[in-house]
Protein backbone atom coordinates (compact mmCIF):
# COMPACT_ATOMS: atom_id res chain seq x y z
CA MET A 1 -0.13 -0.09 -0.19
CA HIS A 2 1.51 3.43 -1.11
CA ARG A 3 0.37 6.44 -0.01
CA PHE A 4 1.23 9.75 -1.63
CA VAL A 5 -0.72 13.57 -2.22
CA ARG A 6 -2.63 13.55 -5.84
CA PRO A 7 -1.78 17.12 -7.59
CA ASP A 8 -5.34 18.66 -6.69
CA GLY A 9 -3.85 18.34 -3.55
CA ARG A 10 -5.98 15.29 -2.07
CA ARG A 11 -4.10 12.71 -0.08
CA ALA A 12 -4.27 9.25 -1.15
CA LEU A 13 -3.16 5.79 -0.71
CA ARG A 14 -2.99 2.95 -3.66
CA LYS A 15 -4.24 -0.31 -3.22
CA ARG A 16 -1.96 -2.86 -5.92
CA ARG A 17 -2.45 -6.34 -5.89
CA PRO A 18 -0.67 -8.09 -9.18
CA ASP A 19 -1.79 -11.47 -8.62
CA MET A 20 -5.26 -11.16 -8.75
CA PRO A 21 -7.97 -10.75 -11.26
CA ALA A 22 -10.03 -7.68 -12.09
CA SER A 23 -12.45 -8.14 -10.48
CA PHE A 24 -11.07 -7.90 -7.19
CA PHE A 25 -10.99 -4.20 -6.83
CA ALA A 26 -13.66 -3.39 -9.84
CA ALA A 27 -15.79 -4.88 -6.17
CA GLU A 28 -14.33 -2.98 -3.33
CA ALA A 29 -15.27 -0.13 -5.53
CA ARG A 30 -18.61 -1.35 -6.17
CA GLY A 31 -18.64 -2.44 -2.14
CA LEU A 32 -17.53 1.14 -1.17
CA ALA A 33 -20.09 3.09 -3.59
CA ALA A 34 -23.65 0.82 -2.32
CA LEU A 35 -21.92 1.75 1.46
CA ARG A 36 -21.86 5.00 0.42
CA GLU A 37 -25.18 5.45 -1.04
CA ALA A 38 -26.57 3.97 1.95
CA GLY A 39 -24.65 7.21 4.19
CA GLY A 40 -24.68 4.70 7.33
CA LEU A 41 -21.08 4.95 8.19
CA ARG A 42 -18.02 6.84 5.93
CA VAL A 43 -15.99 5.36 3.23
CA PRO A 44 -12.79 6.42 1.67
CA GLU A 45 -13.54 7.67 -1.86
CA VAL A 46 -12.61 5.71 -5.02
CA TYR A 47 -10.00 8.19 -6.94
CA ALA A 48 -9.37 4.73 -9.52
CA VAL A 49 -9.04 1.68 -10.83
CA GLY A 50 -7.91 -0.51 -12.58
CA ALA A 51 -7.07 -4.24 -12.86
CA ASP A 52 -4.97 -5.17 -10.40
CA PHE A 53 -5.18 -1.66 -8.29
CA ILE A 54 -7.11 0.85 -6.98
CA GLU A 55 -6.83 4.29 -5.95
CA LEU A 56 -8.38 5.69 -2.48
CA GLU A 57 -8.80 8.53 -0.79
CA ASP A 58 -6.72 8.46 1.83
CA LEU A 59 -8.62 8.11 5.62
CA GLY A 60 -5.66 8.55 7.68
CA GLU A 61 -6.27 7.15 11.59
CA SER A 62 -6.10 8.51 14.68
CA THR A 63 -7.44 7.00 18.46
CA PRO A 64 -11.05 6.04 18.51
CA GLY A 65 -12.77 8.49 21.15
CA ALA A 66 -15.01 7.88 23.65
CA ASP A 67 -17.85 8.22 21.43
CA TYR A 68 -16.78 6.02 18.68
CA PHE A 69 -18.63 3.07 19.43
CA ARG A 70 -21.38 4.25 19.97
CA ARG A 71 -21.34 6.44 16.65
CA ALA A 72 -19.99 3.40 14.69
CA GLY A 73 -22.96 1.56 16.01
CA ALA A 74 -25.70 4.30 14.90
CA GLY A 75 -24.68 4.51 11.49
CA LEU A 76 -23.94 0.58 11.11
CA ALA A 77 -28.15 0.80 12.37
CA ARG A 78 -28.50 3.28 8.98
CA GLN A 79 -26.49 0.70 6.91
CA HIS A 80 -28.52 -2.01 7.38
CA ALA A 81 -31.88 0.33 7.78
CA ARG A 82 -30.73 0.00 3.75
CA ARG A 83 -32.87 -3.43 1.89
CA ASP A 84 -33.39 -4.73 -0.67
CA ALA A 85 -35.73 -7.81 -2.77
CA ARG A 86 -33.44 -10.97 -2.19
CA PHE A 87 -30.35 -11.47 -0.61
CA GLY A 88 -27.40 -11.09 -2.43
CA PHE A 89 -25.65 -8.58 -4.74
CA ALA A 90 -25.76 -7.59 -8.91
CA HIS A 91 -21.76 -8.33 -9.01
CA ALA A 92 -19.97 -11.46 -7.15
CA GLY A 93 -17.30 -9.51 -4.86
CA TRP A 94 -14.10 -11.19 -2.61
CA CYS A 95 -14.26 -12.34 1.26
CA GLY A 96 -10.58 -11.70 1.20
CA ASP A 97 -9.01 -13.66 -1.06
CA SER A 98 -11.77 -15.63 -1.73
CA PRO A 99 -13.94 -15.16 -4.03
CA GLN A 100 -18.02 -15.16 -2.93
CA ASP A 101 -20.76 -15.58 -5.40
CA ASN A 102 -23.72 -13.24 -4.81
CA THR A 103 -26.23 -14.72 -7.56
CA PRO A 104 -29.47 -12.60 -5.79
CA ASP A 105 -32.31 -14.90 -3.75
CA ALA A 106 -34.82 -14.33 -2.33
CA ASP A 107 -34.92 -17.25 -0.36
CA GLY A 108 -32.03 -16.25 3.26
CA HIS A 109 -31.02 -19.53 4.34
CA ARG A 110 -30.58 -21.09 0.52
CA PHE A 111 -28.56 -18.16 0.14
CA PHE A 112 -26.51 -18.83 3.08
CA ALA A 113 -26.08 -22.98 2.33
CA GLU A 114 -25.12 -23.23 -1.49
CA ARG A 115 -23.69 -18.94 -1.88
CA ARG A 116 -21.64 -19.15 1.46
CA LEU A 117 -21.35 -22.77 3.88
CA LEU A 118 -21.20 -25.40 1.17
CA PRO A 119 -18.61 -23.89 -1.61
CA GLN A 120 -16.51 -22.76 1.50
CA ALA A 121 -17.09 -26.57 2.36
CA ARG A 122 -16.37 -28.05 -1.11
CA ARG A 123 -13.39 -25.92 -1.53
CA ALA A 124 -11.19 -27.27 1.82
CA ARG A 125 -12.84 -30.90 1.54
CA ASP A 126 -11.23 -30.51 -1.83
CA ALA A 127 -8.09 -29.36 -0.71
CA GLY A 128 -7.26 -32.06 2.08
CA LEU A 129 -8.42 -29.67 5.00
CA LEU A 130 -11.65 -31.35 5.92
CA GLU A 131 -12.83 -34.85 6.47
CA ALA A 132 -15.29 -36.03 4.49
CA ASP A 133 -16.68 -36.58 8.07
CA ASP A 134 -16.28 -32.45 8.20
CA ALA A 135 -18.41 -31.80 5.26
CA ALA A 136 -21.06 -33.90 5.65
CA ARG A 137 -21.51 -32.14 9.40
CA VAL A 138 -21.01 -28.49 7.45
CA GLU A 139 -24.94 -29.87 4.97
CA HIS A 140 -26.08 -31.39 8.02
CA VAL A 141 -26.43 -27.88 9.59
CA CYS A 142 -26.94 -26.16 5.53
CA ALA A 143 -30.22 -28.83 5.68
CA ARG A 144 -30.88 -28.06 10.04
CA LEU A 145 -30.96 -23.39 9.02
CA ARG A 146 -34.41 -22.98 9.10
CA GLU A 147 -34.06 -24.29 12.66
CA TRP A 148 -32.06 -21.88 14.45
CA ILE A 149 -32.31 -18.24 12.23
CA PRO A 150 -35.38 -16.32 12.40
CA ALA A 151 -36.18 -15.23 9.03
CA GLN A 152 -34.89 -11.80 8.48
CA PRO A 153 -34.77 -9.41 5.42
CA PRO A 154 -31.76 -8.25 3.24
CA VAL A 155 -29.57 -5.77 4.32
CA LEU A 156 -26.54 -3.86 2.88
CA LEU A 157 -24.00 -5.88 4.83
CA HIS A 158 -20.15 -4.89 3.92
CA GLY A 159 -19.73 -9.08 4.61
CA ASP A 160 -16.51 -8.76 5.53
CA LEU A 161 -16.33 -6.66 9.10
CA TRP A 162 -14.47 -7.97 11.73
CA THR A 163 -12.49 -5.45 13.71
CA GLY A 164 -9.91 -4.36 11.60
CA ASN A 165 -12.05 -3.16 9.11
CA LEU A 166 -14.00 -0.93 11.12
CA HIS A 167 -11.91 1.66 11.04
CA CYS A 168 -10.62 4.91 13.03
CA ASP A 169 -10.06 8.07 10.63
CA ALA A 170 -8.02 11.18 11.37
CA ARG A 171 -10.54 12.92 12.62
CA GLY A 172 -11.68 10.13 15.05
CA ALA A 173 -15.41 9.11 12.97
CA PRO A 174 -15.55 5.58 12.51
CA ALA A 175 -15.95 4.93 8.58
CA LEU A 176 -14.92 1.09 7.55
CA ILE A 177 -12.64 0.09 4.47
CA ASP A 178 -11.91 -3.06 3.24
CA ALA A 179 -15.79 -3.42 1.14
CA GLY A 180 -15.46 -6.33 -1.91
CA ALA A 181 -17.67 -8.56 0.22
CA VAL A 182 -20.53 -6.31 0.47
CA HIS A 183 -23.54 -8.03 -0.55
CA HIS A 184 -27.52 -8.23 1.20
CA GLY A 185 -27.27 -10.78 3.38
CA TRP A 186 -28.85 -10.79 7.62
CA ALA A 187 -27.76 -7.97 9.56
CA GLU A 188 -27.21 -10.88 12.16
CA ALA A 189 -24.25 -11.74 10.25
CA GLU A 190 -23.06 -8.89 10.29
CA LEU A 191 -23.10 -8.50 14.06
CA ALA A 192 -22.10 -11.75 15.20
CA MET A 193 -18.52 -11.38 12.93
CA LEU A 194 -17.33 -7.93 14.66
CA THR A 195 -17.80 -10.64 17.82
CA LEU A 196 -15.40 -13.38 15.89
CA PHE A 197 -11.47 -11.52 16.50
CA GLY A 198 -12.51 -9.13 19.46
CA ALA A 199 -15.03 -6.97 20.03
CA PRO A 200 -16.62 -3.82 20.29
CA PRO A 201 -17.53 -2.63 23.64
CA PRO A 202 -21.01 -2.89 25.13
CA CYS A 203 -22.01 0.55 23.92
CA PHE A 204 -21.96 -0.49 20.04
CA PHE A 205 -24.12 -2.40 20.47
CA ALA A 206 -26.33 -0.93 22.55
CA ALA A 207 -26.61 2.18 20.35
CA TYR A 208 -26.54 -0.39 17.79
CA ALA A 209 -29.90 -1.57 18.80
CA GLU A 210 -31.86 2.30 20.18
CA HIS A 211 -31.60 2.45 15.80
CA ALA A 212 -32.42 -1.31 14.29
CA PRO A 213 -34.24 -4.54 15.55
CA LEU A 214 -31.68 -6.72 17.18
CA ALA A 215 -33.08 -9.93 18.38
CA ARG A 216 -31.94 -10.32 22.76
CA ASP A 217 -31.31 -13.87 21.71
CA TRP A 218 -28.74 -12.84 18.34
CA ARG A 219 -25.81 -14.20 20.44
CA GLU A 220 -26.93 -17.50 20.49
CA ARG A 221 -26.59 -17.27 16.79
CA ALA A 222 -23.15 -16.20 15.76
CA PRO A 223 -21.01 -18.98 15.95
CA LEU A 224 -23.64 -20.67 13.48
CA TYR A 225 -22.81 -17.20 10.94
CA ASN A 226 -19.09 -17.35 11.58
CA LEU A 227 -19.09 -21.16 10.33
CA TYR A 228 -18.43 -19.31 7.06
CA HIS A 229 -15.81 -16.36 8.37
CA LEU A 230 -13.98 -19.75 9.77
CA LEU A 231 -14.08 -22.37 6.88
CA ASN A 232 -13.18 -19.15 4.37
CA HIS A 233 -10.24 -18.60 7.06
CA LEU A 234 -9.29 -22.50 6.51
CA ASN A 235 -8.97 -22.40 3.21
CA LEU A 236 -6.94 -18.75 3.26
CA PHE A 237 -3.93 -19.40 5.98
CA GLY A 238 -4.89 -23.24 7.01
CA THR A 239 -5.06 -26.20 9.69
CA GLY A 240 -5.21 -22.98 12.43
CA TYR A 241 -8.40 -22.48 12.05
CA LEU A 242 -9.93 -26.51 12.05
CA GLY A 243 -10.54 -26.64 15.10
CA ARG A 244 -12.79 -23.55 16.09
CA VAL A 245 -14.31 -24.85 12.69
CA ARG A 246 -15.04 -28.45 14.34
CA ALA A 247 -16.02 -26.83 17.07
CA VAL A 248 -19.48 -25.35 15.44
CA LEU A 249 -19.26 -27.60 14.19
CA ARG A 250 -20.32 -30.54 17.35
CA ARG A 251 -22.64 -28.14 18.51
CA TYR A 252 -25.24 -27.79 15.38
CA GLY A 253 -23.36 -30.68 13.53
């Protein structure tokens, strides 16, 4: 990542990945545009995008202030107010370095099974990262999703919102970065990922709940939603994530 000042005086950063398909940065540009239109949280402006790079507004960074997390929770709730008729997105995306199929579907449980869990499980099985029994347990989970996950509308998600992608800009405002996984999905799934690798403080979720519906028992379902991200990390980073995947599968599969 290269930071520089543009001829017009605006500070910018350029990310370059010559090892990735052209769709990689195109997906990020589309995701940032969708998030900006929703008006929930600040996102960087896209200055240019090419086959192997994206040039973005440099938001800077600072230390979160006293009201940062409340502002972040309220902003995410505003983003989640942007609904669609179907789950998915008009274009495919990327969750980290993994391609993400966003083919739209009116059925959220089917979308989560067929576009999220099963492709990751097949990829891991083909790579020898999952045993046949593990893969069968993922299929069992998919078959029973309706028993555990209540019906929810498809809302606009960042899609890869771990705490590192919730960014404190130079002014102390919450912002979103790395938006290649944007799609319409379950709001609870977004909140669940925010608890996967660390978590915002309780005031974040309290502020969210002041502006958007939030079931009291949503955290009980967090492992199911996070199974997708754990499988993705298993595929991207190896067997260090296998124990966490299997812990979820033992609980539900």
